Amino acid sequence: MFNRTTLLILLVALATGAGLLTAEYVFNRRSAAGPELQTVRRLSTPRELPAFTLQQSDRTPLVPGELRGHWTVVFIGFTFCPDVCPTTLSEMAQAQKQWETLPETTRPRVLFVSIDPERDTIEKLGEYAHGFHKDTLAATADIPSLEAFAKSLSLVFAKVPLGDDAPADQYTMDHSATLIVLDPQGRMAGIIQPPLRPRAIAEDLIALTTAGK
């Protein structure tokens, strides 16, 4: 469980890391190989991810190899989220509708990873994600695995009690709102930062997919 000191450290790290990461992506945006993009900021050199294992909503394991062959947009959140998560998934669903005509074998994917396994059961997570778009992948894991996965993507999250006297099950989750873009090799290749523009996201992902990059 995170205490307030840990939360403060994480939020400072998030702000600092986001600034440095943004600078890296902005600097490399024009030099990155591939089509001209509107909202996806690409790394000049994609980053290999360390090994990870998550559990998908259909109870099958999600490992790095499962993400190969498609451009994938990753977002961390939780089903009890009152605003950022449903808004993000709704906006991504708008983008997903625009690339539905692409072949299923190469169609971009959206992966929603719950960082609240205490309350987000596998069944609830799948129902929640698919309520926005039927193709959205949903997964979670234990906290140590989620922390390692988030860290590998330069993301952070923290459990925050709603008050000193609140019951243990009364809390929220603070988390990064940045979306991570993985290339067809499963490497971290770019980011998308809020505010999101669904049409621009769709056009960028379609361009990347059809360019075969």
N, C-alpha and C. Protein backbone atom coordinates (compact mmCIF):
# COMPACT_ATOMS: atom_id res chain seq x y z
N MET A 1 0.84 -1.19 0.00
CA MET A 1 0.00 0.00 0.00
C MET A 1 0.87 1.24 0.00
N PHE A 2 0.46 2.28 -0.70
CA PHE A 2 1.22 3.50 -0.79
C PHE A 2 0.83 4.44 0.34
N ASN A 3 1.83 5.04 1.02
CA ASN A 3 1.51 6.09 1.96
C ASN A 3 1.64 7.43 1.27
N ARG A 4 1.38 8.52 2.00
CA ARG A 4 1.36 9.83 1.35
C ARG A 4 2.74 10.26 0.89
N THR A 5 3.77 9.88 1.64
CA THR A 5 5.13 10.23 1.22
C THR A 5 5.48 9.55 -0.07
N THR A 6 5.13 8.26 -0.15
CA THR A 6 5.39 7.52 -1.39
C THR A 6 4.64 8.13 -2.55
N LEU A 7 3.39 8.52 -2.30
CA LEU A 7 2.58 9.13 -3.34
C LEU A 7 3.21 10.41 -3.85
N LEU A 8 3.69 11.26 -2.91
CA LEU A 8 4.31 12.52 -3.30
C LEU A 8 5.53 12.27 -4.16
N ILE A 9 6.35 11.29 -3.76
CA ILE A 9 7.54 10.96 -4.53
C ILE A 9 7.16 10.50 -5.93
N LEU A 10 6.12 9.66 -6.01
CA LEU A 10 5.68 9.15 -7.31
C LEU A 10 5.16 10.26 -8.20
N LEU A 11 4.41 11.19 -7.61
CA LEU A 11 3.87 12.28 -8.42
C LEU A 11 4.96 13.20 -8.91
N VAL A 12 5.97 13.45 -8.07
CA VAL A 12 7.11 14.27 -8.50
C VAL A 12 7.85 13.56 -9.62
N ALA A 13 8.05 12.24 -9.44
CA ALA A 13 8.74 11.45 -10.47
C ALA A 13 7.95 11.47 -11.76
N LEU A 14 6.61 11.39 -11.64
CA LEU A 14 5.76 11.42 -12.82
C LEU A 14 5.91 12.74 -13.57
N ALA A 15 5.87 13.85 -12.81
CA ALA A 15 5.98 15.16 -13.44
C ALA A 15 7.35 15.34 -14.10
N THR A 16 8.39 14.93 -13.39
CA THR A 16 9.74 15.06 -13.93
C THR A 16 9.93 14.14 -15.13
N GLY A 17 9.52 12.88 -14.96
CA GLY A 17 9.68 11.91 -16.04
C GLY A 17 8.89 12.30 -17.26
N ALA A 18 7.68 12.82 -17.05
CA ALA A 18 6.86 13.23 -18.19
C ALA A 18 7.53 14.35 -18.97
N GLY A 19 8.13 15.28 -18.22
CA GLY A 19 8.81 16.39 -18.89
C GLY A 19 9.99 15.92 -19.71
N LEU A 20 10.79 15.04 -19.13
CA LEU A 20 11.95 14.53 -19.85
C LEU A 20 11.53 13.69 -21.03
N LEU A 21 10.50 12.86 -20.83
CA LEU A 21 10.04 11.99 -21.90
C LEU A 21 9.47 12.81 -23.04
N THR A 22 8.69 13.86 -22.68
CA THR A 22 8.12 14.71 -23.72
C THR A 22 9.22 15.37 -24.53
N ALA A 23 10.25 15.87 -23.84
CA ALA A 23 11.35 16.52 -24.54
C ALA A 23 12.01 15.56 -25.51
N GLU A 24 12.19 14.31 -25.09
CA GLU A 24 12.82 13.32 -25.95
C GLU A 24 11.98 13.06 -27.19
N TYR A 25 10.67 12.96 -27.00
CA TYR A 25 9.80 12.66 -28.13
C TYR A 25 9.67 13.85 -29.06
N VAL A 26 9.54 15.06 -28.50
CA VAL A 26 9.43 16.24 -29.34
C VAL A 26 10.69 16.42 -30.16
N PHE A 27 11.82 16.20 -29.54
CA PHE A 27 13.10 16.37 -30.22
C PHE A 27 13.25 15.38 -31.36
N ASN A 28 12.75 14.18 -31.15
CA ASN A 28 12.95 13.13 -32.14
C ASN A 28 11.80 12.96 -33.12
N ARG A 29 10.76 13.76 -32.94
CA ARG A 29 9.56 13.54 -33.75
C ARG A 29 9.84 13.65 -35.25
N ARG A 30 10.58 14.67 -35.65
CA ARG A 30 10.80 14.87 -37.08
C ARG A 30 11.82 13.90 -37.66
N SER A 31 12.73 13.41 -36.81
CA SER A 31 13.78 12.54 -37.33
C SER A 31 13.38 11.08 -37.37
N ALA A 32 12.27 10.73 -36.68
CA ALA A 32 11.84 9.33 -36.66
C ALA A 32 11.42 8.89 -38.06
N ALA A 33 11.85 7.69 -38.42
CA ALA A 33 11.49 7.16 -39.74
C ALA A 33 10.01 6.82 -39.76
N GLY A 34 9.38 7.01 -40.92
CA GLY A 34 7.98 6.65 -41.03
C GLY A 34 7.15 7.81 -41.51
N PRO A 35 5.83 7.62 -41.56
CA PRO A 35 4.93 8.66 -42.09
C PRO A 35 4.86 9.87 -41.17
N GLU A 36 4.45 11.00 -41.72
CA GLU A 36 4.23 12.21 -40.94
C GLU A 36 3.05 11.97 -40.00
N LEU A 37 3.22 12.26 -38.71
CA LEU A 37 2.19 11.98 -37.72
C LEU A 37 1.66 13.26 -37.09
N GLN A 38 0.40 13.21 -36.66
CA GLN A 38 -0.24 14.38 -36.09
C GLN A 38 -0.16 14.44 -34.57
N THR A 39 -0.34 13.29 -33.92
CA THR A 39 -0.43 13.31 -32.46
C THR A 39 0.44 12.26 -31.78
N VAL A 40 0.85 11.23 -32.50
CA VAL A 40 1.76 10.23 -31.93
C VAL A 40 3.18 10.77 -31.99
N ARG A 41 3.84 10.81 -30.85
CA ARG A 41 5.23 11.24 -30.80
C ARG A 41 6.11 10.00 -30.70
N ARG A 42 6.97 9.80 -31.68
CA ARG A 42 7.74 8.57 -31.76
C ARG A 42 9.15 8.73 -31.23
N LEU A 43 9.63 7.65 -30.65
CA LEU A 43 11.03 7.57 -30.28
C LEU A 43 11.86 7.32 -31.54
N SER A 44 13.03 7.90 -31.60
CA SER A 44 13.88 7.63 -32.76
C SER A 44 14.36 6.18 -32.73
N THR A 45 14.49 5.62 -31.53
CA THR A 45 14.87 4.22 -31.36
C THR A 45 13.88 3.55 -30.43
N PRO A 46 13.05 2.63 -30.91
CA PRO A 46 12.09 1.95 -30.05
C PRO A 46 12.78 1.25 -28.88
N ARG A 47 12.08 1.18 -27.75
CA ARG A 47 12.63 0.61 -26.53
C ARG A 47 12.09 -0.80 -26.29
N GLU A 48 12.98 -1.76 -26.15
CA GLU A 48 12.57 -3.13 -25.83
C GLU A 48 11.99 -3.18 -24.42
N LEU A 49 10.91 -3.92 -24.22
CA LEU A 49 10.31 -4.06 -22.91
C LEU A 49 10.84 -5.30 -22.21
N PRO A 50 11.06 -5.22 -20.89
CA PRO A 50 11.47 -6.42 -20.16
C PRO A 50 10.30 -7.41 -20.12
N ALA A 51 10.60 -8.63 -19.76
CA ALA A 51 9.57 -9.67 -19.70
C ALA A 51 8.46 -9.26 -18.72
N PHE A 52 7.23 -9.58 -19.07
CA PHE A 52 6.09 -9.31 -18.19
C PHE A 52 5.03 -10.36 -18.45
N THR A 53 4.15 -10.53 -17.47
CA THR A 53 3.01 -11.44 -17.62
C THR A 53 1.80 -10.79 -16.98
N LEU A 54 0.78 -10.55 -17.78
CA LEU A 54 -0.49 -10.05 -17.30
C LEU A 54 -1.55 -11.10 -17.60
N GLN A 55 -2.71 -10.96 -16.98
CA GLN A 55 -3.81 -11.89 -17.27
C GLN A 55 -4.91 -11.13 -17.99
N GLN A 56 -5.30 -11.64 -19.17
CA GLN A 56 -6.34 -10.99 -19.95
C GLN A 56 -7.72 -11.34 -19.39
N SER A 57 -8.70 -10.57 -19.83
CA SER A 57 -10.06 -10.76 -19.32
C SER A 57 -10.65 -12.11 -19.72
N ASP A 58 -10.07 -12.77 -20.73
CA ASP A 58 -10.53 -14.12 -21.08
C ASP A 58 -9.72 -15.19 -20.36
N ARG A 59 -8.92 -14.72 -19.37
CA ARG A 59 -8.10 -15.57 -18.49
C ARG A 59 -6.88 -16.19 -19.18
N THR A 60 -6.56 -15.74 -20.36
CA THR A 60 -5.33 -16.20 -21.01
C THR A 60 -4.20 -15.25 -20.64
N PRO A 61 -2.96 -15.74 -20.59
CA PRO A 61 -1.84 -14.86 -20.24
C PRO A 61 -1.52 -13.88 -21.36
N LEU A 62 -1.11 -12.68 -20.96
CA LEU A 62 -0.65 -11.68 -21.92
C LEU A 62 0.83 -11.48 -21.67
N VAL A 63 1.64 -11.95 -22.61
CA VAL A 63 3.09 -11.84 -22.53
C VAL A 63 3.57 -11.04 -23.75
N PRO A 64 4.83 -10.57 -23.76
CA PRO A 64 5.30 -9.73 -24.86
C PRO A 64 4.99 -10.26 -26.26
N GLY A 65 5.13 -11.56 -26.47
CA GLY A 65 4.89 -12.12 -27.80
C GLY A 65 3.47 -11.93 -28.29
N GLU A 66 2.50 -11.81 -27.36
CA GLU A 66 1.11 -11.64 -27.73
C GLU A 66 0.85 -10.29 -28.40
N LEU A 67 1.74 -9.34 -28.19
CA LEU A 67 1.54 -7.99 -28.72
C LEU A 67 2.20 -7.79 -30.08
N ARG A 68 2.83 -8.82 -30.60
CA ARG A 68 3.52 -8.69 -31.88
C ARG A 68 2.53 -8.70 -33.06
N GLY A 69 2.91 -8.01 -34.11
CA GLY A 69 2.11 -8.02 -35.33
C GLY A 69 1.14 -6.87 -35.47
N HIS A 70 0.95 -6.09 -34.40
CA HIS A 70 0.01 -4.98 -34.43
C HIS A 70 0.63 -3.77 -33.75
N TRP A 71 0.23 -2.58 -34.18
CA TRP A 71 0.49 -1.38 -33.39
C TRP A 71 -0.51 -1.41 -32.25
N THR A 72 -0.06 -1.17 -31.03
CA THR A 72 -0.91 -1.28 -29.85
C THR A 72 -0.82 -0.01 -29.01
N VAL A 73 -1.97 0.50 -28.60
CA VAL A 73 -2.03 1.66 -27.72
C VAL A 73 -2.36 1.16 -26.32
N VAL A 74 -1.49 1.45 -25.35
CA VAL A 74 -1.65 0.96 -23.98
C VAL A 74 -2.07 2.09 -23.05
N PHE A 75 -3.07 1.83 -22.23
CA PHE A 75 -3.55 2.82 -21.26
C PHE A 75 -3.76 2.13 -19.93
N ILE A 76 -3.23 2.71 -18.82
CA ILE A 76 -3.45 2.14 -17.49
C ILE A 76 -4.54 2.93 -16.78
N GLY A 77 -5.37 2.21 -15.99
CA GLY A 77 -6.44 2.88 -15.27
C GLY A 77 -7.17 1.89 -14.39
N PHE A 78 -8.44 2.18 -14.07
CA PHE A 78 -9.22 1.29 -13.21
C PHE A 78 -10.70 1.54 -13.45
N THR A 79 -11.52 0.54 -13.21
CA THR A 79 -12.93 0.63 -13.56
C THR A 79 -13.72 1.58 -12.67
N PHE A 80 -13.22 1.87 -11.46
CA PHE A 80 -13.90 2.78 -10.56
C PHE A 80 -13.54 4.24 -10.86
N CYS A 81 -12.71 4.46 -11.85
CA CYS A 81 -12.27 5.80 -12.23
C CYS A 81 -13.48 6.64 -12.64
N PRO A 82 -13.65 7.83 -12.06
CA PRO A 82 -14.84 8.63 -12.35
C PRO A 82 -14.79 9.46 -13.63
N ASP A 83 -13.60 9.70 -14.15
CA ASP A 83 -13.53 10.63 -15.29
C ASP A 83 -12.49 10.28 -16.35
N VAL A 84 -11.21 10.27 -15.99
CA VAL A 84 -10.15 10.11 -16.98
C VAL A 84 -10.28 8.79 -17.75
N CYS A 85 -10.48 7.69 -17.05
CA CYS A 85 -10.52 6.38 -17.72
C CYS A 85 -11.70 6.22 -18.67
N PRO A 86 -12.93 6.49 -18.23
CA PRO A 86 -14.04 6.34 -19.18
C PRO A 86 -13.94 7.32 -20.35
N THR A 87 -13.43 8.53 -20.08
CA THR A 87 -13.28 9.50 -21.17
C THR A 87 -12.25 9.01 -22.18
N THR A 88 -11.11 8.51 -21.68
CA THR A 88 -10.05 8.03 -22.56
C THR A 88 -10.52 6.84 -23.38
N LEU A 89 -11.17 5.88 -22.75
CA LEU A 89 -11.63 4.68 -23.46
C LEU A 89 -12.72 5.03 -24.47
N SER A 90 -13.55 6.01 -24.13
CA SER A 90 -14.58 6.46 -25.07
C SER A 90 -13.96 7.12 -26.30
N GLU A 91 -12.94 7.94 -26.07
CA GLU A 91 -12.27 8.60 -27.18
C GLU A 91 -11.49 7.59 -28.03
N MET A 92 -10.89 6.61 -27.37
CA MET A 92 -10.17 5.58 -28.13
C MET A 92 -11.15 4.73 -28.93
N ALA A 93 -12.35 4.52 -28.40
CA ALA A 93 -13.36 3.76 -29.14
C ALA A 93 -13.73 4.47 -30.44
N GLN A 94 -13.74 5.81 -30.40
CA GLN A 94 -14.00 6.57 -31.62
C GLN A 94 -12.90 6.32 -32.65
N ALA A 95 -11.67 6.26 -32.18
CA ALA A 95 -10.55 5.97 -33.08
C ALA A 95 -10.64 4.54 -33.62
N GLN A 96 -10.98 3.60 -32.74
CA GLN A 96 -11.08 2.20 -33.15
C GLN A 96 -12.11 2.00 -34.26
N LYS A 97 -13.21 2.73 -34.18
CA LYS A 97 -14.26 2.59 -35.20
C LYS A 97 -13.74 3.00 -36.58
N GLN A 98 -12.77 3.91 -36.60
CA GLN A 98 -12.26 4.41 -37.87
C GLN A 98 -11.29 3.43 -38.53
N TRP A 99 -10.73 2.50 -37.76
CA TRP A 99 -9.81 1.53 -38.39
C TRP A 99 -10.39 0.11 -38.41
N GLU A 100 -11.68 -0.02 -38.19
CA GLU A 100 -12.32 -1.34 -38.20
C GLU A 100 -12.25 -2.02 -39.56
N THR A 101 -12.11 -1.24 -40.63
CA THR A 101 -12.07 -1.84 -41.97
C THR A 101 -10.70 -2.43 -42.31
N LEU A 102 -9.69 -2.16 -41.50
CA LEU A 102 -8.37 -2.76 -41.73
C LEU A 102 -8.44 -4.25 -41.43
N PRO A 103 -7.60 -5.06 -42.08
CA PRO A 103 -7.59 -6.51 -41.82
C PRO A 103 -7.34 -6.79 -40.34
N GLU A 104 -8.05 -7.74 -39.80
CA GLU A 104 -7.91 -8.09 -38.37
C GLU A 104 -6.48 -8.48 -38.03
N THR A 105 -5.77 -9.05 -39.01
CA THR A 105 -4.41 -9.53 -38.76
C THR A 105 -3.41 -8.40 -38.53
N THR A 106 -3.76 -7.19 -38.95
CA THR A 106 -2.84 -6.06 -38.77
C THR A 106 -3.50 -4.87 -38.07
N ARG A 107 -4.77 -4.94 -37.81
CA ARG A 107 -5.53 -3.82 -37.23
C ARG A 107 -4.91 -3.37 -35.90
N PRO A 108 -4.77 -2.06 -35.68
CA PRO A 108 -4.26 -1.56 -34.39
C PRO A 108 -5.13 -2.04 -33.24
N ARG A 109 -4.52 -2.12 -32.07
CA ARG A 109 -5.26 -2.60 -30.91
C ARG A 109 -5.13 -1.61 -29.76
N VAL A 110 -6.09 -1.68 -28.86
CA VAL A 110 -6.07 -0.87 -27.64
C VAL A 110 -6.03 -1.83 -26.46
N LEU A 111 -5.07 -1.63 -25.57
CA LEU A 111 -4.92 -2.47 -24.39
C LEU A 111 -5.14 -1.63 -23.14
N PHE A 112 -6.18 -1.97 -22.38
CA PHE A 112 -6.47 -1.30 -21.11
C PHE A 112 -5.97 -2.20 -19.97
N VAL A 113 -5.06 -1.67 -19.16
CA VAL A 113 -4.48 -2.44 -18.06
C VAL A 113 -4.95 -1.85 -16.73
N SER A 114 -5.69 -2.64 -15.95
CA SER A 114 -6.17 -2.17 -14.66
C SER A 114 -5.05 -2.24 -13.62
N ILE A 115 -4.86 -1.12 -12.91
CA ILE A 115 -3.86 -1.08 -11.85
C ILE A 115 -4.55 -1.16 -10.48
N ASP A 116 -5.79 -1.70 -10.48
CA ASP A 116 -6.57 -1.88 -9.26
C ASP A 116 -7.10 -3.31 -9.17
N PRO A 117 -6.20 -4.30 -9.09
CA PRO A 117 -6.66 -5.69 -9.08
C PRO A 117 -7.46 -6.06 -7.85
N GLU A 118 -7.36 -5.27 -6.80
CA GLU A 118 -8.11 -5.54 -5.57
C GLU A 118 -9.61 -5.49 -5.82
N ARG A 119 -10.05 -4.57 -6.68
CA ARG A 119 -11.48 -4.41 -6.95
C ARG A 119 -11.87 -4.83 -8.36
N ASP A 120 -10.93 -4.75 -9.29
CA ASP A 120 -11.24 -5.08 -10.68
C ASP A 120 -11.02 -6.56 -10.95
N THR A 121 -12.08 -7.34 -10.80
CA THR A 121 -11.98 -8.76 -11.12
C THR A 121 -11.84 -8.92 -12.63
N ILE A 122 -11.37 -10.07 -13.05
CA ILE A 122 -11.20 -10.34 -14.47
C ILE A 122 -12.52 -10.17 -15.22
N GLU A 123 -13.60 -10.69 -14.64
CA GLU A 123 -14.90 -10.60 -15.30
C GLU A 123 -15.36 -9.15 -15.42
N LYS A 124 -15.20 -8.39 -14.34
CA LYS A 124 -15.62 -6.99 -14.36
C LYS A 124 -14.79 -6.18 -15.32
N LEU A 125 -13.49 -6.45 -15.36
CA LEU A 125 -12.58 -5.72 -16.22
C LEU A 125 -12.94 -5.90 -17.69
N GLY A 126 -13.20 -7.14 -18.08
CA GLY A 126 -13.56 -7.42 -19.47
C GLY A 126 -14.87 -6.76 -19.86
N GLU A 127 -15.87 -6.87 -18.99
CA GLU A 127 -17.18 -6.26 -19.26
C GLU A 127 -17.03 -4.74 -19.41
N TYR A 128 -16.22 -4.14 -18.55
CA TYR A 128 -16.02 -2.68 -18.57
C TYR A 128 -15.35 -2.25 -19.89
N ALA A 129 -14.25 -2.88 -20.23
CA ALA A 129 -13.51 -2.50 -21.43
C ALA A 129 -14.32 -2.72 -22.70
N HIS A 130 -14.98 -3.86 -22.79
CA HIS A 130 -15.75 -4.19 -23.99
C HIS A 130 -16.99 -3.32 -24.12
N GLY A 131 -17.40 -2.68 -23.03
CA GLY A 131 -18.52 -1.77 -23.10
C GLY A 131 -18.22 -0.54 -23.93
N PHE A 132 -16.93 -0.23 -24.08
CA PHE A 132 -16.53 0.91 -24.89
C PHE A 132 -16.30 0.48 -26.35
N HIS A 133 -15.60 -0.64 -26.53
CA HIS A 133 -15.40 -1.20 -27.87
C HIS A 133 -15.09 -2.69 -27.72
N LYS A 134 -15.73 -3.48 -28.55
CA LYS A 134 -15.62 -4.94 -28.45
C LYS A 134 -14.20 -5.45 -28.66
N ASP A 135 -13.36 -4.68 -29.37
CA ASP A 135 -12.00 -5.14 -29.66
C ASP A 135 -10.97 -4.75 -28.60
N THR A 136 -11.38 -3.94 -27.63
CA THR A 136 -10.43 -3.49 -26.61
C THR A 136 -9.94 -4.67 -25.78
N LEU A 137 -8.63 -4.81 -25.66
CA LEU A 137 -8.04 -5.83 -24.81
C LEU A 137 -7.98 -5.31 -23.38
N ALA A 138 -8.22 -6.19 -22.42
CA ALA A 138 -8.19 -5.79 -21.01
C ALA A 138 -7.37 -6.80 -20.24
N ALA A 139 -6.54 -6.30 -19.33
CA ALA A 139 -5.67 -7.20 -18.57
C ALA A 139 -5.31 -6.57 -17.22
N THR A 140 -4.84 -7.39 -16.31
CA THR A 140 -4.36 -6.92 -15.02
C THR A 140 -3.38 -7.95 -14.48
N ALA A 141 -2.91 -7.74 -13.25
CA ALA A 141 -1.95 -8.67 -12.63
C ALA A 141 -1.88 -8.30 -11.15
N ASP A 142 -0.94 -8.92 -10.43
CA ASP A 142 -0.73 -8.52 -9.05
C ASP A 142 0.04 -7.19 -9.05
N ILE A 143 0.03 -6.52 -7.91
CA ILE A 143 0.63 -5.19 -7.82
C ILE A 143 2.11 -5.16 -8.21
N PRO A 144 2.96 -6.06 -7.71
CA PRO A 144 4.37 -6.02 -8.13
C PRO A 144 4.55 -6.13 -9.64
N SER A 145 3.77 -7.01 -10.27
CA SER A 145 3.87 -7.17 -11.73
C SER A 145 3.40 -5.91 -12.45
N LEU A 146 2.33 -5.30 -11.92
CA LEU A 146 1.82 -4.08 -12.53
C LEU A 146 2.79 -2.93 -12.38
N GLU A 147 3.44 -2.85 -11.22
CA GLU A 147 4.42 -1.79 -11.00
C GLU A 147 5.59 -1.93 -11.97
N ALA A 148 6.05 -3.16 -12.16
CA ALA A 148 7.16 -3.39 -13.09
C ALA A 148 6.76 -3.07 -14.52
N PHE A 149 5.54 -3.47 -14.90
CA PHE A 149 5.05 -3.20 -16.25
C PHE A 149 4.93 -1.70 -16.48
N ALA A 150 4.31 -0.99 -15.54
CA ALA A 150 4.15 0.45 -15.68
C ALA A 150 5.51 1.16 -15.75
N LYS A 151 6.41 0.76 -14.90
CA LYS A 151 7.75 1.37 -14.90
C LYS A 151 8.44 1.20 -16.24
N SER A 152 8.28 0.04 -16.87
CA SER A 152 8.92 -0.21 -18.16
C SER A 152 8.39 0.71 -19.25
N LEU A 153 7.19 1.26 -19.01
CA LEU A 153 6.57 2.17 -19.97
C LEU A 153 6.67 3.63 -19.53
N SER A 154 7.47 3.88 -18.48
CA SER A 154 7.63 5.23 -17.92
C SER A 154 6.31 5.78 -17.37
N LEU A 155 5.49 4.90 -16.81
CA LEU A 155 4.22 5.28 -16.21
C LEU A 155 4.26 4.99 -14.71
N VAL A 156 3.41 5.67 -13.94
CA VAL A 156 3.33 5.42 -12.49
C VAL A 156 1.88 5.40 -12.05
N PHE A 157 1.63 4.79 -10.89
CA PHE A 157 0.31 4.81 -10.29
C PHE A 157 0.45 4.67 -8.79
N ALA A 158 -0.58 5.08 -8.07
CA ALA A 158 -0.54 5.01 -6.61
C ALA A 158 -1.95 4.89 -6.05
N LYS A 159 -2.08 4.12 -4.99
CA LYS A 159 -3.35 3.97 -4.28
C LYS A 159 -3.49 5.12 -3.29
N VAL A 160 -4.64 5.80 -3.33
CA VAL A 160 -4.84 7.00 -2.49
C VAL A 160 -6.12 6.86 -1.66
N PRO A 161 -6.01 6.77 -0.32
CA PRO A 161 -7.20 6.70 0.53
C PRO A 161 -8.05 7.95 0.36
N LEU A 162 -9.37 7.80 0.51
CA LEU A 162 -10.26 8.94 0.36
C LEU A 162 -10.31 9.81 1.61
N GLY A 163 -9.72 9.33 2.69
CA GLY A 163 -9.67 10.10 3.93
C GLY A 163 -9.07 9.26 5.04
N ASP A 164 -8.59 9.92 6.09
CA ASP A 164 -7.94 9.20 7.19
C ASP A 164 -8.87 8.20 7.86
N ASP A 165 -10.16 8.51 7.88
CA ASP A 165 -11.12 7.64 8.56
C ASP A 165 -11.91 6.76 7.58
N ALA A 166 -11.54 6.80 6.32
CA ALA A 166 -12.27 6.02 5.32
C ALA A 166 -11.97 4.53 5.46
N PRO A 167 -12.94 3.67 5.18
CA PRO A 167 -12.70 2.22 5.21
C PRO A 167 -11.61 1.84 4.22
N ALA A 168 -10.99 0.69 4.44
CA ALA A 168 -9.86 0.26 3.61
C ALA A 168 -10.24 0.13 2.14
N ASP A 169 -11.52 -0.19 1.87
CA ASP A 169 -11.93 -0.38 0.47
C ASP A 169 -12.41 0.92 -0.17
N GLN A 170 -12.28 2.02 0.55
CA GLN A 170 -12.66 3.32 0.01
C GLN A 170 -11.41 4.09 -0.38
N TYR A 171 -11.06 4.04 -1.64
CA TYR A 171 -9.85 4.69 -2.13
C TYR A 171 -9.98 4.97 -3.61
N THR A 172 -9.05 5.75 -4.13
CA THR A 172 -8.97 5.97 -5.56
C THR A 172 -7.56 5.63 -6.02
N MET A 173 -7.33 5.71 -7.31
CA MET A 173 -6.01 5.42 -7.86
C MET A 173 -5.54 6.61 -8.69
N ASP A 174 -4.39 7.16 -8.32
CA ASP A 174 -3.76 8.18 -9.16
C ASP A 174 -2.87 7.47 -10.17
N HIS A 175 -2.90 7.90 -11.42
CA HIS A 175 -2.12 7.19 -12.43
C HIS A 175 -1.81 8.10 -13.61
N SER A 176 -0.82 7.73 -14.37
CA SER A 176 -0.45 8.46 -15.59
C SER A 176 -1.61 8.42 -16.58
N ALA A 177 -1.81 9.53 -17.28
CA ALA A 177 -2.85 9.60 -18.30
C ALA A 177 -2.28 9.47 -19.71
N THR A 178 -0.95 9.42 -19.81
CA THR A 178 -0.30 9.27 -21.11
C THR A 178 -0.58 7.90 -21.70
N LEU A 179 -0.82 7.83 -23.00
CA LEU A 179 -0.99 6.56 -23.71
C LEU A 179 0.34 6.16 -24.32
N ILE A 180 0.66 4.89 -24.24
CA ILE A 180 1.92 4.37 -24.79
C ILE A 180 1.63 3.61 -26.08
N VAL A 181 2.44 3.87 -27.09
CA VAL A 181 2.28 3.20 -28.38
C VAL A 181 3.39 2.16 -28.56
N LEU A 182 2.97 0.92 -28.77
CA LEU A 182 3.92 -0.17 -29.01
C LEU A 182 3.91 -0.51 -30.49
N ASP A 183 5.09 -0.80 -31.04
CA ASP A 183 5.16 -1.15 -32.46
C ASP A 183 4.87 -2.63 -32.67
N PRO A 184 4.81 -3.12 -33.90
CA PRO A 184 4.48 -4.53 -34.15
C PRO A 184 5.49 -5.52 -33.58
N GLN A 185 6.63 -5.04 -33.12
CA GLN A 185 7.60 -5.91 -32.46
C GLN A 185 7.41 -5.90 -30.95
N GLY A 186 6.39 -5.20 -30.47
CA GLY A 186 6.10 -5.14 -29.04
C GLY A 186 7.01 -4.20 -28.28
N ARG A 187 7.66 -3.28 -28.98
CA ARG A 187 8.57 -2.33 -28.35
C ARG A 187 7.86 -1.00 -28.11
N MET A 188 8.28 -0.30 -27.07
CA MET A 188 7.75 1.03 -26.82
C MET A 188 8.27 1.95 -27.91
N ALA A 189 7.36 2.49 -28.72
CA ALA A 189 7.77 3.26 -29.89
C ALA A 189 7.26 4.69 -29.89
N GLY A 190 6.32 5.03 -29.00
CA GLY A 190 5.79 6.38 -29.01
C GLY A 190 4.83 6.63 -27.87
N ILE A 191 4.38 7.89 -27.77
CA ILE A 191 3.40 8.26 -26.76
C ILE A 191 2.33 9.14 -27.38
N ILE A 192 1.17 9.16 -26.72
CA ILE A 192 0.09 10.08 -27.07
C ILE A 192 -0.32 10.75 -25.77
N GLN A 193 -0.28 12.07 -25.75
CA GLN A 193 -0.62 12.79 -24.53
C GLN A 193 -1.97 13.49 -24.64
N PRO A 194 -2.70 13.57 -23.53
CA PRO A 194 -3.96 14.32 -23.52
C PRO A 194 -3.70 15.81 -23.78
N PRO A 195 -4.71 16.53 -24.29
CA PRO A 195 -6.04 16.04 -24.66
C PRO A 195 -6.01 15.21 -25.94
N LEU A 196 -6.80 14.17 -25.96
CA LEU A 196 -6.78 13.24 -27.07
C LEU A 196 -7.63 13.75 -28.24
N ARG A 197 -7.17 13.44 -29.43
CA ARG A 197 -7.90 13.78 -30.66
C ARG A 197 -8.16 12.48 -31.42
N PRO A 198 -9.32 11.87 -31.22
CA PRO A 198 -9.61 10.55 -31.79
C PRO A 198 -9.34 10.43 -33.28
N ARG A 199 -9.77 11.41 -34.07
CA ARG A 199 -9.56 11.33 -35.51
C ARG A 199 -8.08 11.33 -35.85
N ALA A 200 -7.31 12.19 -35.19
CA ALA A 200 -5.87 12.26 -35.44
C ALA A 200 -5.18 10.97 -35.01
N ILE A 201 -5.62 10.42 -33.87
CA ILE A 201 -5.05 9.16 -33.40
C ILE A 201 -5.32 8.06 -34.43
N ALA A 202 -6.55 7.99 -34.90
CA ALA A 202 -6.91 6.97 -35.89
C ALA A 202 -6.10 7.12 -37.16
N GLU A 203 -5.97 8.34 -37.64
CA GLU A 203 -5.22 8.57 -38.88
C GLU A 203 -3.74 8.21 -38.70
N ASP A 204 -3.18 8.52 -37.52
CA ASP A 204 -1.78 8.17 -37.27
C ASP A 204 -1.59 6.66 -37.22
N LEU A 205 -2.46 5.96 -36.50
CA LEU A 205 -2.32 4.52 -36.38
C LEU A 205 -2.55 3.81 -37.71
N ILE A 206 -3.50 4.33 -38.51
CA ILE A 206 -3.73 3.75 -39.84
C ILE A 206 -2.51 3.97 -40.71
N ALA A 207 -1.93 5.16 -40.64
CA ALA A 207 -0.73 5.46 -41.43
C ALA A 207 0.42 4.56 -41.04
N LEU A 208 0.62 4.36 -39.75
CA LEU A 208 1.70 3.49 -39.28
C LEU A 208 1.47 2.05 -39.73
N THR A 209 0.23 1.60 -39.63
CA THR A 209 -0.10 0.22 -40.00
C THR A 209 0.09 -0.02 -41.49
N THR A 210 -0.43 0.87 -42.31
CA THR A 210 -0.35 0.68 -43.75
C THR A 210 1.05 0.91 -44.29
N ALA A 211 1.87 1.68 -43.52
CA ALA A 211 3.25 1.90 -43.94
C ALA A 211 4.11 0.69 -43.63
N GLY A 212 3.58 -0.21 -42.76
CA GLY A 212 4.33 -1.41 -42.42
C GLY A 212 5.51 -1.14 -41.53
N LYS A 213 5.50 -0.01 -40.80
CA LYS A 213 6.63 0.35 -39.92
C LYS A 213 6.47 -0.27 -38.56
